[in-house]
Amino acid sequence: LYAAGVILTLPVLLLFIAFSRNFV
């Protein structure tokens, strides 16, 4: 269940990192 949470969170984290400059 925790591993599933990591799998679901990882794409969102990568997306945020990719657009973090414009997001700020």
mmCIF file of all heavy atoms, coordinates in Angstrom:
data_MODEL
# 
_entry.id   MODEL 
# 
loop_
_atom_site.group_PDB 
_atom_site.id 
_atom_site.type_symbol 
_atom_site.label_atom_id 
_atom_site.label_alt_id 
_atom_site.label_comp_id 
_atom_site.label_asym_id 
_atom_site.label_entity_id 
_atom_site.label_seq_id 
_atom_site.pdbx_PDB_ins_code 
_atom_site.Cartn_x 
_atom_site.Cartn_y 
_atom_site.Cartn_z 
_atom_site.occupancy 
_atom_site.B_iso_or_equiv 
_atom_site.pdbx_formal_charge 
_atom_site.auth_seq_id 
_atom_site.auth_comp_id 
_atom_site.auth_asym_id 
_atom_site.auth_atom_id 
_atom_site.pdbx_PDB_model_num 
ATOM 1   N N   . LEU A 1 1  ? 0.837  -1.203 0.000   1.00 0.00 ? 1  LEU A N   1 
ATOM 2   C CA  . LEU A 1 1  ? 0.000  0.000  0.000   1.00 0.00 ? 1  LEU A CA  1 
ATOM 3   C C   . LEU A 1 1  ? 0.870  1.251  0.000   1.00 0.00 ? 1  LEU A C   1 
ATOM 4   O O   . LEU A 1 1  ? 0.595  2.218  -0.721  1.00 0.00 ? 1  LEU A O   1 
ATOM 5   C CB  . LEU A 1 1  ? -0.924 -0.006 1.218   1.00 0.00 ? 1  LEU A CB  1 
ATOM 6   C CG  . LEU A 1 1  ? -2.036 1.039  1.243   1.00 0.00 ? 1  LEU A CG  1 
ATOM 7   C CD1 . LEU A 1 1  ? -2.971 0.848  0.052   1.00 0.00 ? 1  LEU A CD1 1 
ATOM 8   C CD2 . LEU A 1 1  ? -2.833 0.944  2.533   1.00 0.00 ? 1  LEU A CD2 1 
ATOM 9   N N   . TYR A 1 2  ? 1.940  1.242  0.773   1.00 0.00 ? 2  TYR A N   1 
ATOM 10  C CA  . TYR A 1 2  ? 2.875  2.374  0.763   1.00 0.00 ? 2  TYR A CA  1 
ATOM 11  C C   . TYR A 1 2  ? 3.602  2.455  -0.586  1.00 0.00 ? 2  TYR A C   1 
ATOM 12  O O   . TYR A 1 2  ? 3.838  3.550  -1.106  1.00 0.00 ? 2  TYR A O   1 
ATOM 13  C CB  . TYR A 1 2  ? 3.883  2.230  1.900   1.00 0.00 ? 2  TYR A CB  1 
ATOM 14  C CG  . TYR A 1 2  ? 3.316  2.514  3.263   1.00 0.00 ? 2  TYR A CG  1 
ATOM 15  C CD1 . TYR A 1 2  ? 3.262  1.531  4.239   1.00 0.00 ? 2  TYR A CD1 1 
ATOM 16  C CD2 . TYR A 1 2  ? 2.841  3.789  3.578   1.00 0.00 ? 2  TYR A CD2 1 
ATOM 17  C CE1 . TYR A 1 2  ? 2.743  1.796  5.494   1.00 0.00 ? 2  TYR A CE1 1 
ATOM 18  C CE2 . TYR A 1 2  ? 2.319  4.059  4.835   1.00 0.00 ? 2  TYR A CE2 1 
ATOM 19  C CZ  . TYR A 1 2  ? 2.269  3.063  5.782   1.00 0.00 ? 2  TYR A CZ  1 
ATOM 20  O OH  . TYR A 1 2  ? 1.751  3.334  7.027   1.00 0.00 ? 2  TYR A OH  1 
ATOM 21  N N   . ALA A 1 3  ? 3.984  1.317  -1.138  1.00 0.00 ? 3  ALA A N   1 
ATOM 22  C CA  . ALA A 1 3  ? 4.655  1.310  -2.439  1.00 0.00 ? 3  ALA A CA  1 
ATOM 23  C C   . ALA A 1 3  ? 3.740  1.871  -3.519  1.00 0.00 ? 3  ALA A C   1 
ATOM 24  O O   . ALA A 1 3  ? 4.188  2.615  -4.409  1.00 0.00 ? 3  ALA A O   1 
ATOM 25  C CB  . ALA A 1 3  ? 5.089  -0.109 -2.789  1.00 0.00 ? 3  ALA A CB  1 
ATOM 26  N N   . ALA A 1 4  ? 2.462  1.548  -3.444  1.00 0.00 ? 4  ALA A N   1 
ATOM 27  C CA  . ALA A 1 4  ? 1.501  2.091  -4.411  1.00 0.00 ? 4  ALA A CA  1 
ATOM 28  C C   . ALA A 1 4  ? 1.410  3.606  -4.280  1.00 0.00 ? 4  ALA A C   1 
ATOM 29  O O   . ALA A 1 4  ? 1.289  4.321  -5.287  1.00 0.00 ? 4  ALA A O   1 
ATOM 30  C CB  . ALA A 1 4  ? 0.124  1.461  -4.186  1.00 0.00 ? 4  ALA A CB  1 
ATOM 31  N N   . GLY A 1 5  ? 1.465  4.100  -3.046  1.00 0.00 ? 5  GLY A N   1 
ATOM 32  C CA  . GLY A 1 5  ? 1.445  5.549  -2.839  1.00 0.00 ? 5  GLY A CA  1 
ATOM 33  C C   . GLY A 1 5  ? 2.641  6.234  -3.463  1.00 0.00 ? 5  GLY A C   1 
ATOM 34  O O   . GLY A 1 5  ? 2.531  7.323  -4.029  1.00 0.00 ? 5  GLY A O   1 
ATOM 35  N N   . VAL A 1 6  ? 3.817  5.591  -3.377  1.00 0.00 ? 6  VAL A N   1 
ATOM 36  C CA  . VAL A 1 6  ? 5.020  6.158  -3.988  1.00 0.00 ? 6  VAL A CA  1 
ATOM 37  C C   . VAL A 1 6  ? 4.883  6.184  -5.507  1.00 0.00 ? 6  VAL A C   1 
ATOM 38  O O   . VAL A 1 6  ? 5.241  7.162  -6.168  1.00 0.00 ? 6  VAL A O   1 
ATOM 39  C CB  . VAL A 1 6  ? 6.265  5.345  -3.570  1.00 0.00 ? 6  VAL A CB  1 
ATOM 40  C CG1 . VAL A 1 6  ? 7.493  5.818  -4.347  1.00 0.00 ? 6  VAL A CG1 1 
ATOM 41  C CG2 . VAL A 1 6  ? 6.504  5.482  -2.074  1.00 0.00 ? 6  VAL A CG2 1 
ATOM 42  N N   . ILE A 1 7  ? 4.355  5.100  -6.079  1.00 0.00 ? 7  ILE A N   1 
ATOM 43  C CA  . ILE A 1 7  ? 4.186  5.028  -7.535  1.00 0.00 ? 7  ILE A CA  1 
ATOM 44  C C   . ILE A 1 7  ? 3.253  6.126  -8.027  1.00 0.00 ? 7  ILE A C   1 
ATOM 45  O O   . ILE A 1 7  ? 3.493  6.746  -9.067  1.00 0.00 ? 7  ILE A O   1 
ATOM 46  C CB  . ILE A 1 7  ? 3.643  3.645  -7.936  1.00 0.00 ? 7  ILE A CB  1 
ATOM 47  C CG1 . ILE A 1 7  ? 4.692  2.566  -7.644  1.00 0.00 ? 7  ILE A CG1 1 
ATOM 48  C CG2 . ILE A 1 7  ? 3.256  3.614  -9.403  1.00 0.00 ? 7  ILE A CG2 1 
ATOM 49  C CD1 . ILE A 1 7  ? 4.198  1.160  -7.858  1.00 0.00 ? 7  ILE A CD1 1 
ATOM 50  N N   . LEU A 1 8  ? 2.200  6.400  -7.279  1.00 0.00 ? 8  LEU A N   1 
ATOM 51  C CA  . LEU A 1 8  ? 1.247  7.431  -7.687  1.00 0.00 ? 8  LEU A CA  1 
ATOM 52  C C   . LEU A 1 8  ? 1.805  8.838  -7.496  1.00 0.00 ? 8  LEU A C   1 
ATOM 53  O O   . LEU A 1 8  ? 1.453  9.759  -8.231  1.00 0.00 ? 8  LEU A O   1 
ATOM 54  C CB  . LEU A 1 8  ? -0.041 7.289  -6.882  1.00 0.00 ? 8  LEU A CB  1 
ATOM 55  C CG  . LEU A 1 8  ? -0.958 6.137  -7.272  1.00 0.00 ? 8  LEU A CG  1 
ATOM 56  C CD1 . LEU A 1 8  ? -2.114 6.022  -6.294  1.00 0.00 ? 8  LEU A CD1 1 
ATOM 57  C CD2 . LEU A 1 8  ? -1.490 6.316  -8.684  1.00 0.00 ? 8  LEU A CD2 1 
ATOM 58  N N   . THR A 1 9  ? 2.679  9.003  -6.515  1.00 0.00 ? 9  THR A N   1 
ATOM 59  C CA  . THR A 1 9  ? 3.218  10.326 -6.204  1.00 0.00 ? 9  THR A CA  1 
ATOM 60  C C   . THR A 1 9  ? 4.359  10.721 -7.132  1.00 0.00 ? 9  THR A C   1 
ATOM 61  O O   . THR A 1 9  ? 4.523  11.901 -7.459  1.00 0.00 ? 9  THR A O   1 
ATOM 62  C CB  . THR A 1 9  ? 3.704  10.376 -4.748  1.00 0.00 ? 9  THR A CB  1 
ATOM 63  O OG1 . THR A 1 9  ? 2.641  9.984  -3.884  1.00 0.00 ? 9  THR A OG1 1 
ATOM 64  C CG2 . THR A 1 9  ? 4.162  11.774 -4.363  1.00 0.00 ? 9  THR A CG2 1 
ATOM 65  N N   . LEU A 1 10 ? 5.149  9.755  -7.572  1.00 0.00 ? 10 LEU A N   1 
ATOM 66  C CA  . LEU A 1 10 ? 6.361  10.039 -8.334  1.00 0.00 ? 10 LEU A CA  1 
ATOM 67  C C   . LEU A 1 10 ? 6.110  10.838 -9.611  1.00 0.00 ? 10 LEU A C   1 
ATOM 68  O O   . LEU A 1 10 ? 6.816  11.826 -9.863  1.00 0.00 ? 10 LEU A O   1 
ATOM 69  C CB  . LEU A 1 10 ? 7.085  8.727  -8.661  1.00 0.00 ? 10 LEU A CB  1 
ATOM 70  C CG  . LEU A 1 10 ? 8.445  8.868  -9.350  1.00 0.00 ? 10 LEU A CG  1 
ATOM 71  C CD1 . LEU A 1 10 ? 9.405  9.675  -8.467  1.00 0.00 ? 10 LEU A CD1 1 
ATOM 72  C CD2 . LEU A 1 10 ? 9.037  7.492  -9.650  1.00 0.00 ? 10 LEU A CD2 1 
ATOM 73  N N   . PRO A 1 11 ? 5.136  10.489 -10.467 1.00 0.00 ? 11 PRO A N   1 
ATOM 74  C CA  . PRO A 1 11 ? 4.916  11.294 -11.676 1.00 0.00 ? 11 PRO A CA  1 
ATOM 75  C C   . PRO A 1 11 ? 4.560  12.740 -11.388 1.00 0.00 ? 11 PRO A C   1 
ATOM 76  O O   . PRO A 1 11 ? 4.996  13.650 -12.098 1.00 0.00 ? 11 PRO A O   1 
ATOM 77  C CB  . PRO A 1 11 ? 3.754  10.564 -12.381 1.00 0.00 ? 11 PRO A CB  1 
ATOM 78  C CG  . PRO A 1 11 ? 3.813  9.173  -11.868 1.00 0.00 ? 11 PRO A CG  1 
ATOM 79  C CD  . PRO A 1 11 ? 4.264  9.297  -10.447 1.00 0.00 ? 11 PRO A CD  1 
ATOM 80  N N   . VAL A 1 12 ? 3.773  12.969 -10.338 1.00 0.00 ? 12 VAL A N   1 
ATOM 81  C CA  . VAL A 1 12 ? 3.406  14.332 -9.969  1.00 0.00 ? 12 VAL A CA  1 
ATOM 82  C C   . VAL A 1 12 ? 4.634  15.114 -9.519  1.00 0.00 ? 12 VAL A C   1 
ATOM 83  O O   . VAL A 1 12 ? 4.816  16.290 -9.870  1.00 0.00 ? 12 VAL A O   1 
ATOM 84  C CB  . VAL A 1 12 ? 2.334  14.317 -8.856  1.00 0.00 ? 12 VAL A CB  1 
ATOM 85  C CG1 . VAL A 1 12 ? 2.014  15.737 -8.409  1.00 0.00 ? 12 VAL A CG1 1 
ATOM 86  C CG2 . VAL A 1 12 ? 1.077  13.618 -9.343  1.00 0.00 ? 12 VAL A CG2 1 
ATOM 87  N N   . LEU A 1 13 ? 5.497  14.459 -8.756  1.00 0.00 ? 13 LEU A N   1 
ATOM 88  C CA  . LEU A 1 13 ? 6.728  15.104 -8.292  1.00 0.00 ? 13 LEU A CA  1 
ATOM 89  C C   . LEU A 1 13 ? 7.635  15.467 -9.463  1.00 0.00 ? 13 LEU A C   1 
ATOM 90  O O   . LEU A 1 13 ? 8.182  16.573 -9.525  1.00 0.00 ? 13 LEU A O   1 
ATOM 91  C CB  . LEU A 1 13 ? 7.459  14.177 -7.325  1.00 0.00 ? 13 LEU A CB  1 
ATOM 92  C CG  . LEU A 1 13 ? 8.809  14.674 -6.785  1.00 0.00 ? 13 LEU A CG  1 
ATOM 93  C CD1 . LEU A 1 13 ? 8.617  15.959 -5.992  1.00 0.00 ? 13 LEU A CD1 1 
ATOM 94  C CD2 . LEU A 1 13 ? 9.457  13.595 -5.931  1.00 0.00 ? 13 LEU A CD2 1 
ATOM 95  N N   . LEU A 1 14 ? 7.800  14.556 -10.415 1.00 0.00 ? 14 LEU A N   1 
ATOM 96  C CA  . LEU A 1 14 ? 8.636  14.820 -11.577 1.00 0.00 ? 14 LEU A CA  1 
ATOM 97  C C   . LEU A 1 14 ? 8.063  15.958 -12.420 1.00 0.00 ? 14 LEU A C   1 
ATOM 98  O O   . LEU A 1 14 ? 8.809  16.799 -12.946 1.00 0.00 ? 14 LEU A O   1 
ATOM 99  C CB  . LEU A 1 14 ? 8.764  13.555 -12.427 1.00 0.00 ? 14 LEU A CB  1 
ATOM 100 C CG  . LEU A 1 14 ? 9.500  12.377 -11.778 1.00 0.00 ? 14 LEU A CG  1 
ATOM 101 C CD1 . LEU A 1 14 ? 9.478  11.159 -12.693 1.00 0.00 ? 14 LEU A CD1 1 
ATOM 102 C CD2 . LEU A 1 14 ? 10.931 12.760 -11.433 1.00 0.00 ? 14 LEU A CD2 1 
ATOM 103 N N   . LEU A 1 15 ? 6.735  16.000 -12.535 1.00 0.00 ? 15 LEU A N   1 
ATOM 104 C CA  . LEU A 1 15 ? 6.087  17.070 -13.294 1.00 0.00 ? 15 LEU A CA  1 
ATOM 105 C C   . LEU A 1 15 ? 6.316  18.416 -12.632 1.00 0.00 ? 15 LEU A C   1 
ATOM 106 O O   . LEU A 1 15 ? 6.593  19.425 -13.303 1.00 0.00 ? 15 LEU A O   1 
ATOM 107 C CB  . LEU A 1 15 ? 4.589  16.785 -13.416 1.00 0.00 ? 15 LEU A CB  1 
ATOM 108 C CG  . LEU A 1 15 ? 3.789  17.659 -14.393 1.00 0.00 ? 15 LEU A CG  1 
ATOM 109 C CD1 . LEU A 1 15 ? 4.254  17.403 -15.822 1.00 0.00 ? 15 LEU A CD1 1 
ATOM 110 C CD2 . LEU A 1 15 ? 2.299  17.350 -14.273 1.00 0.00 ? 15 LEU A CD2 1 
ATOM 111 N N   . PHE A 1 16 ? 6.226  18.451 -11.316 1.00 0.00 ? 16 PHE A N   1 
ATOM 112 C CA  . PHE A 1 16 ? 6.450  19.702 -10.597 1.00 0.00 ? 16 PHE A CA  1 
ATOM 113 C C   . PHE A 1 16 ? 7.894  20.173 -10.744 1.00 0.00 ? 16 PHE A C   1 
ATOM 114 O O   . PHE A 1 16 ? 8.155  21.356 -10.944 1.00 0.00 ? 16 PHE A O   1 
ATOM 115 C CB  . PHE A 1 16 ? 6.110  19.523 -9.114  1.00 0.00 ? 16 PHE A CB  1 
ATOM 116 C CG  . PHE A 1 16 ? 6.424  20.737 -8.284  1.00 0.00 ? 16 PHE A CG  1 
ATOM 117 C CD1 . PHE A 1 16 ? 5.574  21.826 -8.279  1.00 0.00 ? 16 PHE A CD1 1 
ATOM 118 C CD2 . PHE A 1 16 ? 7.582  20.793 -7.524  1.00 0.00 ? 16 PHE A CD2 1 
ATOM 119 C CE1 . PHE A 1 16 ? 5.859  22.961 -7.521  1.00 0.00 ? 16 PHE A CE1 1 
ATOM 120 C CE2 . PHE A 1 16 ? 7.882  21.911 -6.766  1.00 0.00 ? 16 PHE A CE2 1 
ATOM 121 C CZ  . PHE A 1 16 ? 7.022  22.993 -6.762  1.00 0.00 ? 16 PHE A CZ  1 
ATOM 122 N N   . ILE A 1 17 ? 8.846  19.243 -10.641 1.00 0.00 ? 17 ILE A N   1 
ATOM 123 C CA  . ILE A 1 17 ? 10.253 19.614 -10.779 1.00 0.00 ? 17 ILE A CA  1 
ATOM 124 C C   . ILE A 1 17 ? 10.525 20.177 -12.170 1.00 0.00 ? 17 ILE A C   1 
ATOM 125 O O   . ILE A 1 17 ? 11.264 21.159 -12.331 1.00 0.00 ? 17 ILE A O   1 
ATOM 126 C CB  . ILE A 1 17 ? 11.155 18.397 -10.501 1.00 0.00 ? 17 ILE A CB  1 
ATOM 127 C CG1 . ILE A 1 17 ? 11.046 17.981 -9.027  1.00 0.00 ? 17 ILE A CG1 1 
ATOM 128 C CG2 . ILE A 1 17 ? 12.608 18.691 -10.860 1.00 0.00 ? 17 ILE A CG2 1 
ATOM 129 C CD1 . ILE A 1 17 ? 11.800 16.716 -8.691  1.00 0.00 ? 17 ILE A CD1 1 
ATOM 130 N N   . ALA A 1 18 ? 9.907  19.585 -13.191 1.00 0.00 ? 18 ALA A N   1 
ATOM 131 C CA  . ALA A 1 18 ? 10.135 20.021 -14.562 1.00 0.00 ? 18 ALA A CA  1 
ATOM 132 C C   . ALA A 1 18 ? 9.632  21.442 -14.798 1.00 0.00 ? 18 ALA A C   1 
ATOM 133 O O   . ALA A 1 18 ? 10.210 22.197 -15.590 1.00 0.00 ? 18 ALA A O   1 
ATOM 134 C CB  . ALA A 1 18 ? 9.470  19.052 -15.539 1.00 0.00 ? 18 ALA A CB  1 
ATOM 135 N N   . PHE A 1 19 ? 8.549  21.833 -14.112 1.00 0.00 ? 19 PHE A N   1 
ATOM 136 C CA  . PHE A 1 19 ? 7.954  23.152 -14.346 1.00 0.00 ? 19 PHE A CA  1 
ATOM 137 C C   . PHE A 1 19 ? 8.077  24.067 -13.136 1.00 0.00 ? 19 PHE A C   1 
ATOM 138 O O   . PHE A 1 19 ? 7.344  25.056 -13.035 1.00 0.00 ? 19 PHE A O   1 
ATOM 139 C CB  . PHE A 1 19 ? 6.471  22.999 -14.706 1.00 0.00 ? 19 PHE A CB  1 
ATOM 140 C CG  . PHE A 1 19 ? 6.219  22.313 -16.019 1.00 0.00 ? 19 PHE A CG  1 
ATOM 141 C CD1 . PHE A 1 19 ? 5.951  20.954 -16.066 1.00 0.00 ? 19 PHE A CD1 1 
ATOM 142 C CD2 . PHE A 1 19 ? 6.261  23.025 -17.205 1.00 0.00 ? 19 PHE A CD2 1 
ATOM 143 C CE1 . PHE A 1 19 ? 5.720  20.317 -17.271 1.00 0.00 ? 19 PHE A CE1 1 
ATOM 144 C CE2 . PHE A 1 19 ? 6.030  22.400 -18.408 1.00 0.00 ? 19 PHE A CE2 1 
ATOM 145 C CZ  . PHE A 1 19 ? 5.763  21.041 -18.446 1.00 0.00 ? 19 PHE A CZ  1 
ATOM 146 N N   . SER A 1 20 ? 8.973  23.758 -12.219 1.00 0.00 ? 20 SER A N   1 
ATOM 147 C CA  . SER A 1 20 ? 9.038  24.503 -10.965 1.00 0.00 ? 20 SER A CA  1 
ATOM 148 C C   . SER A 1 20 ? 9.372  25.978 -11.175 1.00 0.00 ? 20 SER A C   1 
ATOM 149 O O   . SER A 1 20 ? 8.843  26.849 -10.479 1.00 0.00 ? 20 SER A O   1 
ATOM 150 C CB  . SER A 1 20 ? 10.073 23.862 -10.035 1.00 0.00 ? 20 SER A CB  1 
ATOM 151 O OG  . SER A 1 20 ? 11.354 23.849 -10.642 1.00 0.00 ? 20 SER A OG  1 
ATOM 152 N N   . ARG A 1 21 ? 10.243 26.297 -12.136 1.00 0.00 ? 21 ARG A N   1 
ATOM 153 C CA  . ARG A 1 21 ? 10.641 27.690 -12.345 1.00 0.00 ? 21 ARG A CA  1 
ATOM 154 C C   . ARG A 1 21 ? 9.452  28.539 -12.774 1.00 0.00 ? 21 ARG A C   1 
ATOM 155 O O   . ARG A 1 21 ? 9.195  29.609 -12.203 1.00 0.00 ? 21 ARG A O   1 
ATOM 156 C CB  . ARG A 1 21 ? 11.751 27.771 -13.398 1.00 0.00 ? 21 ARG A CB  1 
ATOM 157 C CG  . ARG A 1 21 ? 12.228 29.191 -13.666 1.00 0.00 ? 21 ARG A CG  1 
ATOM 158 C CD  . ARG A 1 21 ? 13.387 29.212 -14.648 1.00 0.00 ? 21 ARG A CD  1 
ATOM 159 N NE  . ARG A 1 21 ? 14.531 28.442 -14.136 1.00 0.00 ? 21 ARG A NE  1 
ATOM 160 C CZ  . ARG A 1 21 ? 15.657 28.275 -14.817 1.00 0.00 ? 21 ARG A CZ  1 
ATOM 161 N NH1 . ARG A 1 21 ? 15.780 28.790 -16.034 1.00 0.00 ? 21 ARG A NH1 1 
ATOM 162 N NH2 . ARG A 1 21 ? 16.656 27.587 -14.284 1.00 0.00 ? 21 ARG A NH2 1 
ATOM 163 N N   . ASN A 1 22 ? 8.706  28.087 -13.783 1.00 0.00 ? 22 ASN A N   1 
ATOM 164 C CA  . ASN A 1 22 ? 7.531  28.836 -14.226 1.00 0.00 ? 22 ASN A CA  1 
ATOM 165 C C   . ASN A 1 22 ? 6.438  28.835 -13.168 1.00 0.00 ? 22 ASN A C   1 
ATOM 166 O O   . ASN A 1 22 ? 5.646  29.781 -13.082 1.00 0.00 ? 22 ASN A O   1 
ATOM 167 C CB  . ASN A 1 22 ? 6.985  28.245 -15.528 1.00 0.00 ? 22 ASN A CB  1 
ATOM 168 C CG  . ASN A 1 22 ? 7.839  28.612 -16.731 1.00 0.00 ? 22 ASN A CG  1 
ATOM 169 O OD1 . ASN A 1 22 ? 8.518  29.636 -16.732 1.00 0.00 ? 22 ASN A OD1 1 
ATOM 170 N ND2 . ASN A 1 22 ? 7.822  27.775 -17.738 1.00 0.00 ? 22 ASN A ND2 1 
ATOM 171 N N   . PHE A 1 23 ? 6.387  27.765 -12.361 1.00 0.00 ? 23 PHE A N   1 
ATOM 172 C CA  . PHE A 1 23 ? 5.381  27.695 -11.307 1.00 0.00 ? 23 PHE A CA  1 
ATOM 173 C C   . PHE A 1 23 ? 5.603  28.800 -10.280 1.00 0.00 ? 23 PHE A C   1 
ATOM 174 O O   . PHE A 1 23 ? 4.659  29.479 -9.866  1.00 0.00 ? 23 PHE A O   1 
ATOM 175 C CB  . PHE A 1 23 ? 5.427  26.324 -10.634 1.00 0.00 ? 23 PHE A CB  1 
ATOM 176 C CG  . PHE A 1 23 ? 4.460  26.170 -9.505  1.00 0.00 ? 23 PHE A CG  1 
ATOM 177 C CD1 . PHE A 1 23 ? 3.122  25.913 -9.750  1.00 0.00 ? 23 PHE A CD1 1 
ATOM 178 C CD2 . PHE A 1 23 ? 4.865  26.290 -8.183  1.00 0.00 ? 23 PHE A CD2 1 
ATOM 179 C CE1 . PHE A 1 23 ? 2.221  25.780 -8.714  1.00 0.00 ? 23 PHE A CE1 1 
ATOM 180 C CE2 . PHE A 1 23 ? 3.980  26.160 -7.140  1.00 0.00 ? 23 PHE A CE2 1 
ATOM 181 C CZ  . PHE A 1 23 ? 2.649  25.903 -7.412  1.00 0.00 ? 23 PHE A CZ  1 
ATOM 182 N N   . VAL A 1 24 ? 6.839  28.990 -9.873  1.00 0.00 ? 24 VAL A N   1 
ATOM 183 C CA  . VAL A 1 24 ? 7.159  30.047 -8.900  1.00 0.00 ? 24 VAL A CA  1 
ATOM 184 C C   . VAL A 1 24 ? 6.831  31.416 -9.476  1.00 0.00 ? 24 VAL A C   1 
ATOM 185 O O   . VAL A 1 24 ? 6.263  32.283 -8.798  1.00 0.00 ? 24 VAL A O   1 
ATOM 186 C CB  . VAL A 1 24 ? 8.640  29.963 -8.490  1.00 0.00 ? 24 VAL A CB  1 
ATOM 187 C CG1 . VAL A 1 24 ? 9.020  31.157 -7.619  1.00 0.00 ? 24 VAL A CG1 1 
ATOM 188 C CG2 . VAL A 1 24 ? 8.912  28.662 -7.749  1.00 0.00 ? 24 VAL A CG2 1 
# 
